[in-house]
Amino acid sequence: MTTNGKREAVDGRATRWDGHKARRRAEVIDAAIAAIEEHGVEVSVRQVADRLQLPRPVVYRHFEGRADLDEQIRRRILRSLLTQLMPTLDPNGTVHDAVAKAVGAYVGWVADHPNLHRFLSDSAPQPDSALTSARNRIGGRLADLFTVGLTRFGIDPAPARPMAFGIVALADGVVNSWRADSSSTLTSEQVEAMLTESVLALFEGNARSLGVPLARDTIVSELLTRTETAALVDR
């Protein structure tokens, strides 16, 4: 076998091992999430290893330590949440419908996965953490939508970003407080209704202060069409 042939054989084996390692990492993360869902956030690596029938050192072999494992778990949880939430940030129907759909997706996910939400909430967000990245992605999407709307009305879009991230912070604050209060008797439906009304009030108040004719029963697509039409007439 030539030197090149030997190198190709070694590289091929390395590639196969890379695939195996990636699958094993995914299996560990899946097992950890299942354990958190079932037992709560205080899950040990031994519990994860037992679910996979593996020695504990094998679990650690695929991560840099417990902090790295926890961060990868958070990334997977947030990916699942964003898969459900991001499509709702493309507004359809009335303003009320659009807000209610997005709020409902978030509160519904939290209600269905209380332990996963607590696992996320118990972590202190760092500038480069998965949690910070997810919030930035959601806030950024809202900011883009608000920027488009304000620009089409000929209004300085500078308020778009703080408005968007203010809504994200409001939603986080309401839901986190609800889930942290073990004595709360509020149902997910009540929290969803309260948060929807709060976000709508912010929309209406900010729109009024900026001179945007927006109400909760405004159909989003018609609002944008009217805006574009008005801009053409003014030219």
C-alpha atoms as a PDB file:
ATOM      1  CA  MET A   1       0.000   0.000   0.000  1.00  0.00           C
ATOM      2  CA  THR A   2       1.335   3.475  -0.874  1.00  0.00           C
ATOM      3  CA  THR A   3       1.853   6.225   1.636  1.00  0.00           C
ATOM      4  CA  ASN A   4      -1.150   8.015   0.174  1.00  0.00           C
ATOM      5  CA  GLY A   5      -3.171   4.840   0.455  1.00  0.00           C
ATOM      6  CA  LYS A   6      -2.249   4.482   4.109  1.00  0.00           C
ATOM      7  CA  ARG A   7      -3.205   8.084   4.757  1.00  0.00           C
ATOM      8  CA  GLU A   8      -6.577   7.588   3.053  1.00  0.00           C
ATOM      9  CA  ALA A   9      -7.267   4.458   5.135  1.00  0.00           C
ATOM     10  CA  VAL A  10      -6.418   6.252   8.376  1.00  0.00           C
ATOM     11  CA  ASP A  11      -8.533   9.253   7.387  1.00  0.00           C
ATOM     12  CA  GLY A  12     -11.434   6.948   6.577  1.00  0.00           C
ATOM     13  CA  ARG A  13     -11.281   5.312   9.996  1.00  0.00           C
ATOM     14  CA  ALA A  14     -11.109   8.733  11.645  1.00  0.00           C
ATOM     15  CA  THR A  15     -14.203   9.838   9.768  1.00  0.00           C
ATOM     16  CA  ARG A  16     -16.107   6.732  10.860  1.00  0.00           C
ATOM     17  CA  TRP A  17     -15.135   7.384  14.474  1.00  0.00           C
ATOM     18  CA  ASP A  18     -16.249  11.013  14.163  1.00  0.00           C
ATOM     19  CA  GLY A  19     -19.688   9.809  13.131  1.00  0.00           C
ATOM     20  CA  HIS A  20     -19.814   7.387  16.036  1.00  0.00           C
ATOM     21  CA  LYS A  21     -18.805  10.104  18.500  1.00  0.00           C
ATOM     22  CA  ALA A  22     -21.454  12.480  17.150  1.00  0.00           C
ATOM     23  CA  ARG A  23     -24.147   9.804  17.489  1.00  0.00           C
ATOM     24  CA  ARG A  24     -23.011   8.997  21.028  1.00  0.00           C
ATOM     25  CA  ARG A  25     -23.101  12.675  22.017  1.00  0.00           C
ATOM     26  CA  ALA A  26     -26.615  12.955  20.608  1.00  0.00           C
ATOM     27  CA  GLU A  27     -27.700   9.834  22.520  1.00  0.00           C
ATOM     28  CA  VAL A  28     -26.311  11.240  25.765  1.00  0.00           C
ATOM     29  CA  ILE A  29     -28.107  14.563  25.279  1.00  0.00           C
ATOM     30  CA  ASP A  30     -31.360  12.793  24.407  1.00  0.00           C
ATOM     31  CA  ALA A  31     -31.040  10.612  27.530  1.00  0.00           C
ATOM     32  CA  ALA A  32     -30.285  13.644  29.705  1.00  0.00           C
ATOM     33  CA  ILE A  33     -33.347  15.509  28.412  1.00  0.00           C
ATOM     34  CA  ALA A  34     -35.554  12.472  29.003  1.00  0.00           C
ATOM     35  CA  ALA A  35     -34.179  12.178  32.554  1.00  0.00           C
ATOM     36  CA  ILE A  36     -34.836  15.880  33.238  1.00  0.00           C
ATOM     37  CA  GLU A  37     -38.379  15.591  31.903  1.00  0.00           C
ATOM     38  CA  GLU A  38     -39.005  12.611  34.177  1.00  0.00           C
ATOM     39  CA  HIS A  39     -37.075  13.445  37.338  1.00  0.00           C
ATOM     40  CA  GLY A  40     -36.454  17.200  37.341  1.00  0.00           C
ATOM     41  CA  VAL A  41     -33.388  19.363  36.942  1.00  0.00           C
ATOM     42  CA  GLU A  42     -31.275  17.689  39.637  1.00  0.00           C
ATOM     43  CA  VAL A  43     -30.237  14.858  37.337  1.00  0.00           C
ATOM     44  CA  SER A  44     -26.833  13.250  37.838  1.00  0.00           C
ATOM     45  CA  VAL A  45     -24.508  12.012  35.123  1.00  0.00           C
ATOM     46  CA  ARG A  46     -24.855   8.543  36.639  1.00  0.00           C
ATOM     47  CA  GLN A  47     -28.618   8.645  35.981  1.00  0.00           C
ATOM     48  CA  VAL A  48     -27.931   9.584  32.378  1.00  0.00           C
ATOM     49  CA  ALA A  49     -25.344   6.836  32.028  1.00  0.00           C
ATOM     50  CA  ASP A  50     -27.712   4.289  33.563  1.00  0.00           C
ATOM     51  CA  ARG A  51     -30.404   5.140  31.008  1.00  0.00           C
ATOM     52  CA  LEU A  52     -27.922   4.314  28.261  1.00  0.00           C
ATOM     53  CA  GLN A  53     -26.424   1.346  30.142  1.00  0.00           C
ATOM     54  CA  LEU A  54     -23.002   2.938  29.892  1.00  0.00           C
ATOM     55  CA  PRO A  55     -20.235   3.538  32.453  1.00  0.00           C
ATOM     56  CA  ARG A  56     -20.192   7.123  33.667  1.00  0.00           C
ATOM     57  CA  PRO A  57     -16.669   7.807  32.270  1.00  0.00           C
ATOM     58  CA  VAL A  58     -17.974   7.025  28.777  1.00  0.00           C
ATOM     59  CA  VAL A  59     -20.517   9.838  29.113  1.00  0.00           C
ATOM     60  CA  TYR A  60     -17.858  12.327  30.217  1.00  0.00           C
ATOM     61  CA  ARG A  61     -15.557  11.212  27.407  1.00  0.00           C
ATOM     62  CA  HIS A  62     -17.739  13.009  24.865  1.00  0.00           C
ATOM     63  CA  PHE A  63     -17.869  16.350  26.709  1.00  0.00           C
ATOM     64  CA  GLU A  64     -15.389  18.715  28.328  1.00  0.00           C
ATOM     65  CA  GLY A  65     -17.125  18.365  31.683  1.00  0.00           C
ATOM     66  CA  ARG A  66     -20.512  18.806  33.336  1.00  0.00           C
ATOM     67  CA  ALA A  67     -20.719  22.473  32.334  1.00  0.00           C
ATOM     68  CA  ASP A  68     -20.229  21.553  28.678  1.00  0.00           C
ATOM     69  CA  LEU A  69     -22.825  18.768  28.912  1.00  0.00           C
ATOM     70  CA  ASP A  70     -25.346  21.142  30.508  1.00  0.00           C
ATOM     71  CA  GLU A  71     -24.750  23.760  27.808  1.00  0.00           C
ATOM     72  CA  GLN A  72     -25.293  21.185  25.053  1.00  0.00           C
ATOM     73  CA  ILE A  73     -28.526  20.095  26.769  1.00  0.00           C
ATOM     74  CA  ARG A  74     -29.687  23.720  26.857  1.00  0.00           C
ATOM     75  CA  ARG A  75     -28.883  24.105  23.169  1.00  0.00           C
ATOM     76  CA  ARG A  76     -30.978  21.064  22.285  1.00  0.00           C
ATOM     77  CA  ILE A  77     -33.904  22.220  24.465  1.00  0.00           C
ATOM     78  CA  LEU A  78     -33.838  25.686  22.958  1.00  0.00           C
ATOM     79  CA  ARG A  79     -33.693  24.262  19.451  1.00  0.00           C
ATOM     80  CA  SER A  80     -36.918  22.381  20.195  1.00  0.00           C
ATOM     81  CA  LEU A  81     -38.565  25.515  21.600  1.00  0.00           C
ATOM     82  CA  LEU A  82     -37.480  27.702  18.696  1.00  0.00           C
ATOM     83  CA  THR A  83     -38.736  25.130  16.188  1.00  0.00           C
ATOM     84  CA  GLN A  84     -42.221  25.693  17.605  1.00  0.00           C
ATOM     85  CA  LEU A  85     -41.956  29.405  18.302  1.00  0.00           C
ATOM     86  CA  MET A  86     -40.162  30.988  15.340  1.00  0.00           C
ATOM     87  CA  PRO A  87     -42.827  30.131  12.709  1.00  0.00           C
ATOM     88  CA  THR A  88     -45.408  31.988  14.825  1.00  0.00           C
ATOM     89  CA  LEU A  89     -43.390  35.199  14.475  1.00  0.00           C
ATOM     90  CA  ASP A  90     -44.482  35.457  10.840  1.00  0.00           C
ATOM     91  CA  PRO A  91     -47.714  37.344  11.578  1.00  0.00           C
ATOM     92  CA  ASN A  92     -50.970  36.254   9.991  1.00  0.00           C
ATOM     93  CA  GLY A  93     -54.557  37.306  10.633  1.00  0.00           C
ATOM     94  CA  THR A  94     -55.256  40.194  12.969  1.00  0.00           C
ATOM     95  CA  VAL A  95     -52.734  41.744  15.331  1.00  0.00           C
ATOM     96  CA  HIS A  96     -54.558  39.976  18.160  1.00  0.00           C
ATOM     97  CA  ASP A  97     -54.352  36.650  16.328  1.00  0.00           C
ATOM     98  CA  ALA A  98     -50.628  37.057  15.676  1.00  0.00           C
ATOM     99  CA  VAL A  99     -49.840  37.924  19.304  1.00  0.00           C
ATOM    100  CA  ALA A 100     -52.075  35.212  20.710  1.00  0.00           C
ATOM    101  CA  LYS A 101     -50.492  32.586  18.456  1.00  0.00           C
ATOM    102  CA  ALA A 102     -46.936  33.462  19.485  1.00  0.00           C
ATOM    103  CA  VAL A 103     -47.770  33.762  23.183  1.00  0.00           C
ATOM    104  CA  GLY A 104     -49.753  30.538  23.055  1.00  0.00           C
ATOM    105  CA  ALA A 105     -46.837  28.660  21.500  1.00  0.00           C
ATOM    106  CA  TYR A 106     -44.455  29.853  24.222  1.00  0.00           C
ATOM    107  CA  VAL A 107     -46.716  29.379  27.236  1.00  0.00           C
ATOM    108  CA  GLY A 108     -47.952  26.057  25.862  1.00  0.00           C
ATOM    109  CA  TRP A 109     -44.394  24.757  25.497  1.00  0.00           C
ATOM    110  CA  VAL A 110     -43.547  25.806  29.053  1.00  0.00           C
ATOM    111  CA  ALA A 111     -46.703  24.152  30.404  1.00  0.00           C
ATOM    112  CA  ASP A 112     -45.891  20.931  28.525  1.00  0.00           C
ATOM    113  CA  HIS A 113     -42.222  20.885  29.575  1.00  0.00           C
ATOM    114  CA  PRO A 114     -41.989  22.450  33.053  1.00  0.00           C
ATOM    115  CA  ASN A 115     -38.748  20.699  33.992  1.00  0.00           C
ATOM    116  CA  LEU A 116     -37.022  21.678  30.763  1.00  0.00           C
ATOM    117  CA  HIS A 117     -38.109  25.284  31.304  1.00  0.00           C
ATOM    118  CA  ARG A 118     -36.774  25.206  34.843  1.00  0.00           C
ATOM    119  CA  PHE A 119     -33.479  23.782  33.581  1.00  0.00           C
ATOM    120  CA  LEU A 120     -33.191  26.771  31.257  1.00  0.00           C
ATOM    121  CA  SER A 121     -34.322  29.277  33.874  1.00  0.00           C
ATOM    122  CA  ASP A 122     -31.874  28.021  36.501  1.00  0.00           C
ATOM    123  CA  SER A 123     -28.891  28.879  34.316  1.00  0.00           C
ATOM    124  CA  ALA A 124     -27.329  32.323  34.464  1.00  0.00           C
ATOM    125  CA  PRO A 125     -27.211  33.549  30.858  1.00  0.00           C
ATOM    126  CA  GLN A 126     -23.715  34.410  29.621  1.00  0.00           C
ATOM    127  CA  PRO A 127     -23.022  36.608  26.570  1.00  0.00           C
ATOM    128  CA  ASP A 128     -22.185  33.564  24.442  1.00  0.00           C
ATOM    129  CA  SER A 129     -24.660  31.106  25.971  1.00  0.00           C
ATOM    130  CA  ALA A 130     -27.375  29.241  24.091  1.00  0.00           C
ATOM    131  CA  LEU A 131     -30.047  31.016  26.142  1.00  0.00           C
ATOM    132  CA  THR A 132     -28.718  34.468  25.229  1.00  0.00           C
ATOM    133  CA  SER A 133     -28.478  33.421  21.587  1.00  0.00           C
ATOM    134  CA  ALA A 134     -32.108  32.232  21.581  1.00  0.00           C
ATOM    135  CA  ARG A 135     -33.357  35.470  23.145  1.00  0.00           C
ATOM    136  CA  ASN A 136     -31.355  37.483  20.629  1.00  0.00           C
ATOM    137  CA  ARG A 137     -32.819  35.465  17.775  1.00  0.00           C
ATOM    138  CA  ILE A 138     -36.409  35.984  18.952  1.00  0.00           C
ATOM    139  CA  GLY A 139     -35.869  39.658  19.770  1.00  0.00           C
ATOM    140  CA  GLY A 140     -34.058  40.186  16.478  1.00  0.00           C
ATOM    141  CA  ARG A 141     -36.930  38.658  14.509  1.00  0.00           C
ATOM    142  CA  LEU A 142     -39.448  40.921  16.232  1.00  0.00           C
ATOM    143  CA  ALA A 143     -37.186  43.931  15.735  1.00  0.00           C
ATOM    144  CA  ASP A 144     -37.008  43.183  11.999  1.00  0.00           C
ATOM    145  CA  LEU A 145     -40.808  43.061  11.785  1.00  0.00           C
ATOM    146  CA  PHE A 146     -41.203  46.322  13.707  1.00  0.00           C
ATOM    147  CA  THR A 147     -38.521  47.994  11.587  1.00  0.00           C
ATOM    148  CA  VAL A 148     -40.363  47.086   8.391  1.00  0.00           C
ATOM    149  CA  GLY A 149     -43.646  48.420   9.775  1.00  0.00           C
ATOM    150  CA  LEU A 150     -42.214  51.714  11.013  1.00  0.00           C
ATOM    151  CA  THR A 151     -40.208  52.280   7.851  1.00  0.00           C
ATOM    152  CA  ARG A 152     -43.270  51.778   5.671  1.00  0.00           C
ATOM    153  CA  PHE A 153     -45.012  54.518   7.649  1.00  0.00           C
ATOM    154  CA  GLY A 154     -42.026  56.805   7.160  1.00  0.00           C
ATOM    155  CA  ILE A 155     -41.197  56.655  10.879  1.00  0.00           C
ATOM    156  CA  ASP A 156     -37.675  56.423  12.285  1.00  0.00           C
ATOM    157  CA  PRO A 157     -37.240  52.693  13.089  1.00  0.00           C
ATOM    158  CA  ALA A 158     -34.900  53.383  16.025  1.00  0.00           C
ATOM    159  CA  PRO A 159     -37.548  52.299  18.612  1.00  0.00           C
ATOM    160  CA  ALA A 160     -38.000  48.902  16.916  1.00  0.00           C
ATOM    161  CA  ARG A 161     -35.217  47.042  18.714  1.00  0.00           C
ATOM    162  CA  PRO A 162     -35.914  48.231  22.290  1.00  0.00           C
ATOM    163  CA  MET A 163     -39.636  47.618  21.734  1.00  0.00           C
ATOM    164  CA  ALA A 164     -38.931  44.078  20.532  1.00  0.00           C
ATOM    165  CA  PHE A 165     -36.570  43.137  23.326  1.00  0.00           C
ATOM    166  CA  GLY A 166     -38.899  44.743  25.865  1.00  0.00           C
ATOM    167  CA  ILE A 167     -41.627  42.327  24.746  1.00  0.00           C
ATOM    168  CA  VAL A 168     -39.223  39.374  25.042  1.00  0.00           C
ATOM    169  CA  ALA A 169     -38.291  40.476  28.563  1.00  0.00           C
ATOM    170  CA  LEU A 170     -41.961  40.905  29.498  1.00  0.00           C
ATOM    171  CA  ALA A 171     -42.831  37.402  28.290  1.00  0.00           C
ATOM    172  CA  ASP A 172     -39.849  35.914  30.115  1.00  0.00           C
ATOM    173  CA  GLY A 173     -40.675  37.778  33.312  1.00  0.00           C
ATOM    174  CA  VAL A 174     -44.335  36.775  33.384  1.00  0.00           C
ATOM    175  CA  VAL A 175     -43.730  33.115  32.582  1.00  0.00           C
ATOM    176  CA  ASN A 176     -40.680  32.724  34.838  1.00  0.00           C
ATOM    177  CA  SER A 177     -42.534  34.279  37.774  1.00  0.00           C
ATOM    178  CA  TRP A 178     -45.524  32.007  37.190  1.00  0.00           C
ATOM    179  CA  ARG A 179     -43.432  28.840  37.034  1.00  0.00           C
ATOM    180  CA  ALA A 180     -41.278  29.849  40.036  1.00  0.00           C
ATOM    181  CA  ASP A 181     -44.318  30.391  42.295  1.00  0.00           C
ATOM    182  CA  SER A 182     -45.243  26.942  43.590  1.00  0.00           C
ATOM    183  CA  SER A 183     -48.349  28.374  45.273  1.00  0.00           C
ATOM    184  CA  SER A 184     -49.729  29.903  42.066  1.00  0.00           C
ATOM    185  CA  THR A 185     -53.217  28.748  41.099  1.00  0.00           C
ATOM    186  CA  LEU A 186     -53.062  30.336  37.638  1.00  0.00           C
ATOM    187  CA  THR A 187     -53.607  27.944  34.751  1.00  0.00           C
ATOM    188  CA  SER A 188     -51.584  28.119  31.549  1.00  0.00           C
ATOM    189  CA  GLU A 189     -54.700  29.430  29.794  1.00  0.00           C
ATOM    190  CA  GLN A 190     -54.984  32.306  32.289  1.00  0.00           C
ATOM    191  CA  VAL A 191     -51.306  33.174  31.947  1.00  0.00           C
ATOM    192  CA  GLU A 192     -51.601  33.023  28.171  1.00  0.00           C
ATOM    193  CA  ALA A 193     -54.599  35.384  28.199  1.00  0.00           C
ATOM    194  CA  MET A 194     -52.906  37.812  30.612  1.00  0.00           C
ATOM    195  CA  LEU A 195     -49.666  37.898  28.655  1.00  0.00           C
ATOM    196  CA  THR A 196     -51.499  38.320  25.345  1.00  0.00           C
ATOM    197  CA  GLU A 197     -53.392  41.326  26.729  1.00  0.00           C
ATOM    198  CA  SER A 198     -50.174  42.817  28.123  1.00  0.00           C
ATOM    199  CA  VAL A 199     -48.336  42.517  24.801  1.00  0.00           C
ATOM    200  CA  LEU A 200     -51.297  43.952  22.903  1.00  0.00           C
ATOM    201  CA  ALA A 201     -51.420  46.904  25.292  1.00  0.00           C
ATOM    202  CA  LEU A 202     -47.727  47.551  24.591  1.00  0.00           C
ATOM    203  CA  PHE A 203     -48.351  47.355  20.851  1.00  0.00           C
ATOM    204  CA  GLU A 204     -51.295  49.754  20.995  1.00  0.00           C
ATOM    205  CA  GLY A 205     -49.567  52.207  23.338  1.00  0.00           C
ATOM    206  CA  ASN A 206     -46.350  52.346  21.331  1.00  0.00           C
ATOM    207  CA  ALA A 207     -48.245  52.571  18.039  1.00  0.00           C
ATOM    208  CA  ARG A 208     -50.325  55.466  19.384  1.00  0.00           C
ATOM    209  CA  SER A 209     -47.240  57.358  20.575  1.00  0.00           C
ATOM    210  CA  LEU A 210     -45.560  56.887  17.175  1.00  0.00           C
ATOM    211  CA  GLY A 211     -48.643  57.815  15.156  1.00  0.00           C
ATOM    212  CA  VAL A 212     -49.226  54.356  13.699  1.00  0.00           C
ATOM    213  CA  PRO A 213     -52.918  53.511  13.115  1.00  0.00           C
ATOM    214  CA  LEU A 214     -52.731  50.051  14.656  1.00  0.00           C
ATOM    215  CA  ALA A 215     -55.396  48.267  16.709  1.00  0.00           C
ATOM    216  CA  ARG A 216     -55.728  44.698  17.895  1.00  0.00           C
ATOM    217  CA  ASP A 217     -58.374  43.905  15.273  1.00  0.00           C
ATOM    218  CA  THR A 218     -56.258  45.289  12.416  1.00  0.00           C
ATOM    219  CA  ILE A 219     -55.476  42.627   9.819  1.00  0.00           C
ATOM    220  CA  VAL A 220     -51.705  42.595   9.521  1.00  0.00           C
ATOM    221  CA  SER A 221     -51.535  41.943   5.771  1.00  0.00           C
ATOM    222  CA  GLU A 222     -54.062  44.695   5.042  1.00  0.00           C
ATOM    223  CA  LEU A 223     -52.184  47.123   7.250  1.00  0.00           C
ATOM    224  CA  LEU A 224     -48.991  46.534   5.299  1.00  0.00           C
ATOM    225  CA  THR A 225     -50.839  46.775   1.979  1.00  0.00           C
ATOM    226  CA  ARG A 226     -52.470  50.062   2.979  1.00  0.00           C
ATOM    227  CA  THR A 227     -49.084  51.355   4.048  1.00  0.00           C
ATOM    228  CA  GLU A 228     -47.460  50.481   0.748  1.00  0.00           C
ATOM    229  CA  THR A 229     -50.398  51.962  -1.190  1.00  0.00           C
ATOM    230  CA  ALA A 230     -50.263  55.180   0.823  1.00  0.00           C
ATOM    231  CA  ALA A 231     -46.559  55.505   0.142  1.00  0.00           C
ATOM    232  CA  LEU A 232     -47.170  55.208  -3.618  1.00  0.00           C
ATOM    233  CA  VAL A 233     -49.937  57.845  -3.523  1.00  0.00           C
ATOM    234  CA  ASP A 234     -47.712  60.288  -1.627  1.00  0.00           C
ATOM    235  CA  ARG A 235     -44.963  60.111  -4.256  1.00  0.00           C
END
